[in-house]
Amino acid sequence: MQSGHDISHARLNAPTLVLIAATAIVAIRCLDLLLLFNLLGMRGIVDFLHRSAQTWTLTFIFFISLALLFIEFRCAFAIVRGRNWGRWLYLCIQIAITGYLWLASLGWGYPELFSIAGDTKRDILRSLFLQKLPDALVLCLLFIPPKSRRYFRVR
């Protein structure tokens, strides 16, 4: 049985695995952006933005992707504070992003803007799995360890 002091102490001190997961969310997204900027260069970034603004649908998808990026950052800060909705929202975002990437890579949506290259569905799925592996590991840190689950239950 925990006393009131123990519960308030648990609220203030997030378990190490939760802190690692929240830090990883921010680090993965920042590293993704840095690698994208490095890969495309300034000219490629301008071309990418120009292509994104060609139609309303592409612009909408581009703005949704930016919104999801900022929501993921918000989820990371909510997770550190013990907000259970933060980890569930992060899970939902990862499911939506993975589903969209899978569909776009198979030719649905706008594959020239957001898709994963591959000759076969199996190649695409393997590449998608490898690309989403860090996010899957973060989700495992948030949902599987008993200390992580207990931290979110206390809140």
N, C-alpha and C. Protein backbone atom coordinates (compact mmCIF):
# COMPACT_ATOMS: atom_id res chain seq x y z
N MET A 1 0.84 -1.17 0.00
CA MET A 1 0.00 0.00 0.00
C MET A 1 0.88 1.24 0.00
N GLN A 2 0.61 2.16 -0.90
CA GLN A 2 1.41 3.37 -0.98
C GLN A 2 0.76 4.48 -0.18
N SER A 3 1.60 5.28 0.46
CA SER A 3 1.07 6.44 1.17
C SER A 3 0.90 7.58 0.18
N GLY A 4 0.25 8.64 0.62
CA GLY A 4 0.04 9.81 -0.24
C GLY A 4 1.34 10.43 -0.68
N HIS A 5 2.34 10.38 0.20
CA HIS A 5 3.65 10.94 -0.14
C HIS A 5 4.31 10.14 -1.26
N ASP A 6 4.19 8.81 -1.21
CA ASP A 6 4.77 7.97 -2.24
C ASP A 6 4.13 8.21 -3.60
N ILE A 7 2.81 8.42 -3.61
CA ILE A 7 2.11 8.67 -4.86
C ILE A 7 2.54 10.00 -5.46
N SER A 8 2.64 11.05 -4.66
CA SER A 8 3.07 12.35 -5.20
C SER A 8 4.52 12.28 -5.66
N HIS A 9 5.34 11.50 -4.96
CA HIS A 9 6.73 11.32 -5.36
C HIS A 9 6.80 10.59 -6.70
N ALA A 10 5.91 9.61 -6.90
CA ALA A 10 5.88 8.87 -8.17
C ALA A 10 5.46 9.78 -9.31
N ARG A 11 4.60 10.74 -9.05
CA ARG A 11 4.16 11.67 -10.09
C ARG A 11 5.31 12.55 -10.56
N LEU A 12 6.19 12.90 -9.64
CA LEU A 12 7.27 13.82 -9.98
C LEU A 12 8.42 13.12 -10.69
N ASN A 13 8.65 11.87 -10.36
CA ASN A 13 9.81 11.15 -10.90
C ASN A 13 9.36 10.09 -11.89
N ALA A 14 9.51 10.41 -13.15
CA ALA A 14 9.17 9.44 -14.19
C ALA A 14 10.21 8.34 -14.19
N PRO A 15 9.77 7.10 -14.43
CA PRO A 15 10.74 6.00 -14.54
C PRO A 15 11.72 6.26 -15.68
N THR A 16 12.89 5.70 -15.54
CA THR A 16 13.94 5.90 -16.53
C THR A 16 13.49 5.50 -17.94
N LEU A 17 12.76 4.39 -18.04
CA LEU A 17 12.31 3.94 -19.36
C LEU A 17 11.35 4.93 -20.00
N VAL A 18 10.52 5.58 -19.20
CA VAL A 18 9.59 6.59 -19.73
C VAL A 18 10.38 7.81 -20.20
N LEU A 19 11.37 8.22 -19.42
CA LEU A 19 12.20 9.36 -19.83
C LEU A 19 12.97 9.05 -21.10
N ILE A 20 13.48 7.83 -21.21
CA ILE A 20 14.19 7.41 -22.42
C ILE A 20 13.24 7.45 -23.61
N ALA A 21 12.03 6.94 -23.43
CA ALA A 21 11.05 6.91 -24.52
C ALA A 21 10.70 8.32 -24.97
N ALA A 22 10.44 9.22 -24.04
CA ALA A 22 10.07 10.59 -24.39
C ALA A 22 11.23 11.30 -25.08
N THR A 23 12.43 11.10 -24.57
CA THR A 23 13.61 11.69 -25.19
C THR A 23 13.82 11.12 -26.59
N ALA A 24 13.57 9.84 -26.74
CA ALA A 24 13.74 9.19 -28.04
C ALA A 24 12.74 9.73 -29.07
N ILE A 25 11.53 10.03 -28.65
CA ILE A 25 10.55 10.59 -29.58
C ILE A 25 11.08 11.88 -30.17
N VAL A 26 11.56 12.77 -29.32
CA VAL A 26 12.09 14.05 -29.78
C VAL A 26 13.36 13.84 -30.61
N ALA A 27 14.25 12.98 -30.13
CA ALA A 27 15.51 12.75 -30.83
C ALA A 27 15.29 12.13 -32.20
N ILE A 28 14.38 11.16 -32.29
CA ILE A 28 14.11 10.50 -33.58
C ILE A 28 13.57 11.51 -34.59
N ARG A 29 12.64 12.35 -34.17
CA ARG A 29 12.05 13.32 -35.09
C ARG A 29 13.07 14.37 -35.51
N CYS A 30 13.88 14.85 -34.57
CA CYS A 30 14.91 15.83 -34.93
C CYS A 30 15.96 15.22 -35.86
N LEU A 31 16.35 13.99 -35.59
CA LEU A 31 17.30 13.30 -36.45
C LEU A 31 16.71 13.05 -37.83
N ASP A 32 15.42 12.69 -37.88
CA ASP A 32 14.75 12.52 -39.18
C ASP A 32 14.83 13.80 -40.00
N LEU A 33 14.55 14.93 -39.36
CA LEU A 33 14.59 16.22 -40.06
C LEU A 33 16.01 16.55 -40.53
N LEU A 34 16.99 16.34 -39.66
CA LEU A 34 18.38 16.62 -40.04
C LEU A 34 18.82 15.74 -41.21
N LEU A 35 18.48 14.47 -41.16
CA LEU A 35 18.86 13.57 -42.25
C LEU A 35 18.14 13.94 -43.55
N LEU A 36 16.89 14.34 -43.44
CA LEU A 36 16.14 14.77 -44.62
C LEU A 36 16.77 16.02 -45.24
N PHE A 37 17.10 17.00 -44.39
CA PHE A 37 17.73 18.22 -44.90
C PHE A 37 19.09 17.92 -45.52
N ASN A 38 19.84 17.02 -44.90
CA ASN A 38 21.14 16.65 -45.44
C ASN A 38 20.99 15.92 -46.78
N LEU A 39 20.02 15.04 -46.87
CA LEU A 39 19.81 14.27 -48.09
C LEU A 39 19.35 15.16 -49.25
N LEU A 40 18.40 16.03 -48.98
CA LEU A 40 17.83 16.87 -50.05
C LEU A 40 18.67 18.09 -50.37
N GLY A 41 19.34 18.65 -49.38
CA GLY A 41 20.06 19.90 -49.59
C GLY A 41 19.08 21.05 -49.73
N MET A 42 19.59 22.24 -49.87
CA MET A 42 18.73 23.42 -49.95
C MET A 42 17.86 23.39 -51.21
N ARG A 43 18.45 23.01 -52.31
CA ARG A 43 17.69 22.95 -53.57
C ARG A 43 16.58 21.90 -53.49
N GLY A 44 16.89 20.75 -52.90
CA GLY A 44 15.90 19.70 -52.75
C GLY A 44 14.76 20.09 -51.83
N ILE A 45 15.08 20.82 -50.78
CA ILE A 45 14.04 21.30 -49.84
C ILE A 45 13.10 22.26 -50.56
N VAL A 46 13.67 23.18 -51.35
CA VAL A 46 12.84 24.12 -52.10
C VAL A 46 11.96 23.37 -53.10
N ASP A 47 12.52 22.39 -53.80
CA ASP A 47 11.73 21.58 -54.74
C ASP A 47 10.62 20.81 -54.01
N PHE A 48 10.95 20.26 -52.86
CA PHE A 48 9.97 19.53 -52.07
C PHE A 48 8.81 20.44 -51.64
N LEU A 49 9.15 21.62 -51.17
CA LEU A 49 8.10 22.58 -50.77
C LEU A 49 7.27 23.02 -51.97
N HIS A 50 7.94 23.20 -53.11
CA HIS A 50 7.21 23.59 -54.32
C HIS A 50 6.25 22.49 -54.76
N ARG A 51 6.72 21.23 -54.74
CA ARG A 51 5.85 20.11 -55.09
C ARG A 51 4.69 19.97 -54.10
N SER A 52 4.97 20.23 -52.83
CA SER A 52 3.93 20.11 -51.82
C SER A 52 2.84 21.15 -51.99
N ALA A 53 3.16 22.25 -52.62
CA ALA A 53 2.19 23.34 -52.77
C ALA A 53 1.51 23.34 -54.14
N GLN A 54 1.68 22.29 -54.93
CA GLN A 54 1.10 22.28 -56.28
C GLN A 54 -0.41 22.09 -56.29
N THR A 55 -0.92 21.28 -55.39
CA THR A 55 -2.37 21.07 -55.33
C THR A 55 -2.83 21.21 -53.88
N TRP A 56 -4.11 21.41 -53.71
CA TRP A 56 -4.66 21.53 -52.37
C TRP A 56 -4.46 20.24 -51.58
N THR A 57 -4.59 19.11 -52.23
CA THR A 57 -4.45 17.83 -51.53
C THR A 57 -3.02 17.63 -51.04
N LEU A 58 -2.04 17.93 -51.90
CA LEU A 58 -0.64 17.80 -51.48
C LEU A 58 -0.30 18.78 -50.36
N THR A 59 -0.84 19.99 -50.46
CA THR A 59 -0.62 20.99 -49.41
C THR A 59 -1.24 20.51 -48.10
N PHE A 60 -2.44 19.95 -48.18
CA PHE A 60 -3.11 19.44 -46.99
C PHE A 60 -2.29 18.32 -46.35
N ILE A 61 -1.80 17.39 -47.16
CA ILE A 61 -0.98 16.28 -46.64
C ILE A 61 0.30 16.82 -46.00
N PHE A 62 0.90 17.81 -46.63
CA PHE A 62 2.12 18.41 -46.09
C PHE A 62 1.85 19.06 -44.73
N PHE A 63 0.76 19.83 -44.63
CA PHE A 63 0.45 20.49 -43.36
C PHE A 63 0.04 19.48 -42.28
N ILE A 64 -0.64 18.42 -42.68
CA ILE A 64 -0.98 17.37 -41.72
C ILE A 64 0.29 16.71 -41.19
N SER A 65 1.26 16.48 -42.07
CA SER A 65 2.52 15.86 -41.61
C SER A 65 3.26 16.78 -40.64
N LEU A 66 3.23 18.08 -40.90
CA LEU A 66 3.84 19.03 -39.95
C LEU A 66 3.09 19.05 -38.63
N ALA A 67 1.77 19.03 -38.70
CA ALA A 67 0.96 19.00 -37.48
C ALA A 67 1.24 17.74 -36.67
N LEU A 68 1.36 16.61 -37.35
CA LEU A 68 1.67 15.37 -36.65
C LEU A 68 3.04 15.43 -35.98
N LEU A 69 3.99 16.07 -36.63
CA LEU A 69 5.32 16.24 -36.03
C LEU A 69 5.21 17.00 -34.71
N PHE A 70 4.49 18.12 -34.72
CA PHE A 70 4.35 18.91 -33.50
C PHE A 70 3.51 18.20 -32.44
N ILE A 71 2.53 17.42 -32.87
CA ILE A 71 1.74 16.64 -31.92
C ILE A 71 2.61 15.57 -31.27
N GLU A 72 3.50 14.96 -32.04
CA GLU A 72 4.42 13.98 -31.46
C GLU A 72 5.32 14.63 -30.41
N PHE A 73 5.80 15.84 -30.68
CA PHE A 73 6.58 16.55 -29.68
C PHE A 73 5.74 16.80 -28.43
N ARG A 74 4.51 17.20 -28.60
CA ARG A 74 3.60 17.44 -27.47
C ARG A 74 3.38 16.15 -26.69
N CYS A 75 3.23 15.04 -27.40
CA CYS A 75 3.06 13.74 -26.74
C CYS A 75 4.28 13.42 -25.87
N ALA A 76 5.46 13.71 -26.36
CA ALA A 76 6.68 13.42 -25.60
C ALA A 76 6.67 14.18 -24.27
N PHE A 77 6.29 15.46 -24.31
CA PHE A 77 6.25 16.24 -23.07
C PHE A 77 5.12 15.77 -22.16
N ALA A 78 4.01 15.35 -22.73
CA ALA A 78 2.90 14.82 -21.93
C ALA A 78 3.30 13.50 -21.28
N ILE A 79 4.05 12.69 -21.98
CA ILE A 79 4.50 11.40 -21.46
C ILE A 79 5.39 11.61 -20.24
N VAL A 80 6.30 12.56 -20.30
CA VAL A 80 7.18 12.84 -19.17
C VAL A 80 6.37 13.27 -17.95
N ARG A 81 5.29 13.97 -18.19
CA ARG A 81 4.44 14.43 -17.08
C ARG A 81 3.46 13.36 -16.60
N GLY A 82 3.51 12.18 -17.22
CA GLY A 82 2.67 11.09 -16.77
C GLY A 82 1.27 11.11 -17.34
N ARG A 83 1.06 11.84 -18.40
CA ARG A 83 -0.27 11.91 -19.02
C ARG A 83 -0.49 10.67 -19.88
N ASN A 84 -1.44 9.87 -19.50
CA ASN A 84 -1.71 8.62 -20.21
C ASN A 84 -2.15 8.87 -21.64
N TRP A 85 -2.87 9.96 -21.87
CA TRP A 85 -3.33 10.26 -23.23
C TRP A 85 -2.16 10.48 -24.17
N GLY A 86 -1.00 10.92 -23.65
CA GLY A 86 0.17 11.16 -24.49
C GLY A 86 0.68 9.90 -25.15
N ARG A 87 0.75 8.83 -24.39
CA ARG A 87 1.25 7.58 -24.98
C ARG A 87 0.23 6.97 -25.93
N TRP A 88 -1.06 7.09 -25.60
CA TRP A 88 -2.10 6.54 -26.48
C TRP A 88 -2.20 7.35 -27.77
N LEU A 89 -2.08 8.66 -27.68
CA LEU A 89 -2.10 9.48 -28.88
C LEU A 89 -0.89 9.19 -29.75
N TYR A 90 0.27 9.00 -29.13
CA TYR A 90 1.47 8.65 -29.88
C TYR A 90 1.28 7.31 -30.60
N LEU A 91 0.67 6.34 -29.92
CA LEU A 91 0.37 5.05 -30.55
C LEU A 91 -0.56 5.22 -31.75
N CYS A 92 -1.61 6.01 -31.58
CA CYS A 92 -2.57 6.23 -32.68
C CYS A 92 -1.89 6.92 -33.87
N ILE A 93 -1.03 7.88 -33.59
CA ILE A 93 -0.32 8.58 -34.66
C ILE A 93 0.58 7.60 -35.41
N GLN A 94 1.27 6.73 -34.69
CA GLN A 94 2.15 5.77 -35.35
C GLN A 94 1.37 4.79 -36.22
N ILE A 95 0.21 4.38 -35.75
CA ILE A 95 -0.64 3.49 -36.55
C ILE A 95 -1.09 4.21 -37.82
N ALA A 96 -1.53 5.46 -37.68
CA ALA A 96 -2.00 6.24 -38.84
C ALA A 96 -0.87 6.48 -39.84
N ILE A 97 0.30 6.86 -39.35
CA ILE A 97 1.43 7.14 -40.23
C ILE A 97 1.88 5.86 -40.94
N THR A 98 1.96 4.77 -40.22
CA THR A 98 2.37 3.51 -40.83
C THR A 98 1.37 3.06 -41.88
N GLY A 99 0.10 3.19 -41.57
CA GLY A 99 -0.95 2.84 -42.54
C GLY A 99 -0.88 3.69 -43.78
N TYR A 100 -0.70 5.00 -43.60
CA TYR A 100 -0.61 5.90 -44.75
C TYR A 100 0.62 5.58 -45.61
N LEU A 101 1.77 5.38 -44.96
CA LEU A 101 2.99 5.06 -45.71
C LEU A 101 2.83 3.76 -46.48
N TRP A 102 2.19 2.76 -45.88
CA TRP A 102 1.96 1.49 -46.55
C TRP A 102 1.07 1.70 -47.77
N LEU A 103 -0.03 2.42 -47.60
CA LEU A 103 -0.95 2.65 -48.72
C LEU A 103 -0.31 3.51 -49.81
N ALA A 104 0.40 4.57 -49.42
CA ALA A 104 1.05 5.43 -50.40
C ALA A 104 2.12 4.68 -51.18
N SER A 105 2.81 3.78 -50.49
CA SER A 105 3.86 3.00 -51.15
C SER A 105 3.29 1.98 -52.12
N LEU A 106 2.06 1.57 -51.89
CA LEU A 106 1.40 0.62 -52.80
C LEU A 106 0.70 1.31 -53.96
N GLY A 107 0.74 2.64 -53.98
CA GLY A 107 0.16 3.37 -55.10
C GLY A 107 -1.11 4.13 -54.77
N TRP A 108 -1.58 4.04 -53.55
CA TRP A 108 -2.75 4.81 -53.14
C TRP A 108 -2.27 6.17 -52.63
N GLY A 109 -3.04 7.20 -52.81
CA GLY A 109 -2.63 8.52 -52.34
C GLY A 109 -1.63 9.14 -53.28
N TYR A 110 -0.63 9.75 -52.73
CA TYR A 110 0.39 10.45 -53.52
C TYR A 110 1.76 9.84 -53.24
N PRO A 111 2.07 8.74 -53.93
CA PRO A 111 3.33 8.05 -53.64
C PRO A 111 4.57 8.87 -53.99
N GLU A 112 4.47 9.82 -54.91
CA GLU A 112 5.67 10.58 -55.25
C GLU A 112 6.10 11.51 -54.12
N LEU A 113 5.20 11.82 -53.21
CA LEU A 113 5.54 12.72 -52.11
C LEU A 113 5.92 11.95 -50.84
N PHE A 114 5.08 11.01 -50.43
CA PHE A 114 5.33 10.24 -49.22
C PHE A 114 5.17 8.76 -49.55
N SER A 115 6.26 8.10 -49.83
CA SER A 115 6.20 6.67 -50.09
C SER A 115 7.55 6.04 -49.79
N ILE A 116 7.55 4.72 -49.75
CA ILE A 116 8.76 3.96 -49.50
C ILE A 116 9.04 3.15 -50.76
N ALA A 117 10.26 3.23 -51.24
CA ALA A 117 10.63 2.54 -52.47
C ALA A 117 10.76 1.04 -52.23
N GLY A 118 10.39 0.28 -53.25
CA GLY A 118 10.53 -1.17 -53.19
C GLY A 118 9.94 -1.79 -54.45
N ASP A 119 10.52 -2.91 -54.87
CA ASP A 119 10.05 -3.58 -56.08
C ASP A 119 8.80 -4.41 -55.82
N THR A 120 8.74 -5.01 -54.64
CA THR A 120 7.59 -5.86 -54.30
C THR A 120 6.97 -5.37 -53.00
N LYS A 121 5.77 -5.88 -52.72
CA LYS A 121 5.11 -5.53 -51.46
C LYS A 121 5.97 -5.96 -50.27
N ARG A 122 6.63 -7.08 -50.42
CA ARG A 122 7.49 -7.58 -49.34
C ARG A 122 8.66 -6.65 -49.09
N ASP A 123 9.29 -6.14 -50.16
CA ASP A 123 10.39 -5.17 -50.01
C ASP A 123 9.91 -3.90 -49.33
N ILE A 124 8.75 -3.43 -49.75
CA ILE A 124 8.18 -2.21 -49.16
C ILE A 124 7.89 -2.44 -47.69
N LEU A 125 7.28 -3.57 -47.36
CA LEU A 125 6.94 -3.88 -45.97
C LEU A 125 8.19 -4.00 -45.11
N ARG A 126 9.23 -4.62 -45.64
CA ARG A 126 10.50 -4.74 -44.91
C ARG A 126 11.10 -3.35 -44.66
N SER A 127 11.11 -2.50 -45.67
CA SER A 127 11.65 -1.15 -45.51
C SER A 127 10.81 -0.33 -44.52
N LEU A 128 9.49 -0.50 -44.62
CA LEU A 128 8.60 0.21 -43.69
C LEU A 128 8.84 -0.25 -42.26
N PHE A 129 8.99 -1.56 -42.08
CA PHE A 129 9.26 -2.09 -40.75
C PHE A 129 10.57 -1.53 -40.19
N LEU A 130 11.61 -1.51 -41.01
CA LEU A 130 12.90 -0.98 -40.55
C LEU A 130 12.82 0.51 -40.24
N GLN A 131 12.03 1.24 -41.03
CA GLN A 131 11.89 2.67 -40.80
C GLN A 131 11.11 2.96 -39.52
N LYS A 132 10.13 2.13 -39.20
CA LYS A 132 9.29 2.36 -38.03
C LYS A 132 9.78 1.62 -36.78
N LEU A 133 10.87 0.87 -36.89
CA LEU A 133 11.40 0.12 -35.76
C LEU A 133 11.71 1.00 -34.54
N PRO A 134 12.36 2.15 -34.68
CA PRO A 134 12.60 2.99 -33.51
C PRO A 134 11.30 3.40 -32.80
N ASP A 135 10.28 3.73 -33.58
CA ASP A 135 9.01 4.10 -32.97
C ASP A 135 8.37 2.92 -32.26
N ALA A 136 8.51 1.73 -32.83
CA ALA A 136 7.97 0.52 -32.19
C ALA A 136 8.69 0.26 -30.87
N LEU A 137 9.99 0.49 -30.84
CA LEU A 137 10.75 0.30 -29.59
C LEU A 137 10.32 1.31 -28.54
N VAL A 138 10.06 2.55 -28.96
CA VAL A 138 9.57 3.57 -28.02
C VAL A 138 8.22 3.13 -27.45
N LEU A 139 7.34 2.64 -28.31
CA LEU A 139 6.04 2.18 -27.85
C LEU A 139 6.18 1.01 -26.87
N CYS A 140 7.13 0.14 -27.13
CA CYS A 140 7.38 -0.96 -26.20
C CYS A 140 7.81 -0.44 -24.83
N LEU A 141 8.67 0.57 -24.82
CA LEU A 141 9.10 1.16 -23.55
C LEU A 141 7.94 1.80 -22.80
N LEU A 142 6.96 2.30 -23.52
CA LEU A 142 5.83 2.98 -22.88
C LEU A 142 4.74 2.03 -22.41
N PHE A 143 4.58 0.90 -23.08
CA PHE A 143 3.44 0.03 -22.80
C PHE A 143 3.79 -1.29 -22.12
N ILE A 144 5.00 -1.81 -22.27
CA ILE A 144 5.29 -3.15 -21.78
C ILE A 144 5.84 -3.19 -20.35
N PRO A 145 6.87 -2.42 -19.99
CA PRO A 145 7.42 -2.57 -18.63
C PRO A 145 6.39 -2.22 -17.55
N PRO A 146 6.33 -3.02 -16.50
CA PRO A 146 5.38 -2.75 -15.43
C PRO A 146 5.55 -1.36 -14.79
N LYS A 147 6.79 -0.89 -14.65
CA LYS A 147 7.01 0.44 -14.07
C LYS A 147 6.40 1.54 -14.94
N SER A 148 6.52 1.38 -16.26
CA SER A 148 5.93 2.38 -17.16
C SER A 148 4.42 2.37 -17.06
N ARG A 149 3.82 1.20 -17.08
CA ARG A 149 2.36 1.10 -16.97
C ARG A 149 1.88 1.66 -15.64
N ARG A 150 2.58 1.33 -14.57
CA ARG A 150 2.22 1.82 -13.24
C ARG A 150 2.33 3.34 -13.16
N TYR A 151 3.35 3.90 -13.80
CA TYR A 151 3.54 5.36 -13.79
C TYR A 151 2.33 6.07 -14.40
N PHE A 152 1.80 5.52 -15.48
CA PHE A 152 0.66 6.15 -16.13
C PHE A 152 -0.64 5.86 -15.39
N ARG A 153 -0.70 4.75 -14.66
CA ARG A 153 -1.90 4.46 -13.87
C ARG A 153 -2.02 5.37 -12.66
N VAL A 154 -0.88 5.76 -12.08
CA VAL A 154 -0.89 6.64 -10.89
C VAL A 154 -1.49 7.99 -11.25
N ARG A 155 -1.24 8.45 -12.44
CA ARG A 155 -1.77 9.75 -12.89
C ARG A 155 -3.24 9.61 -13.16
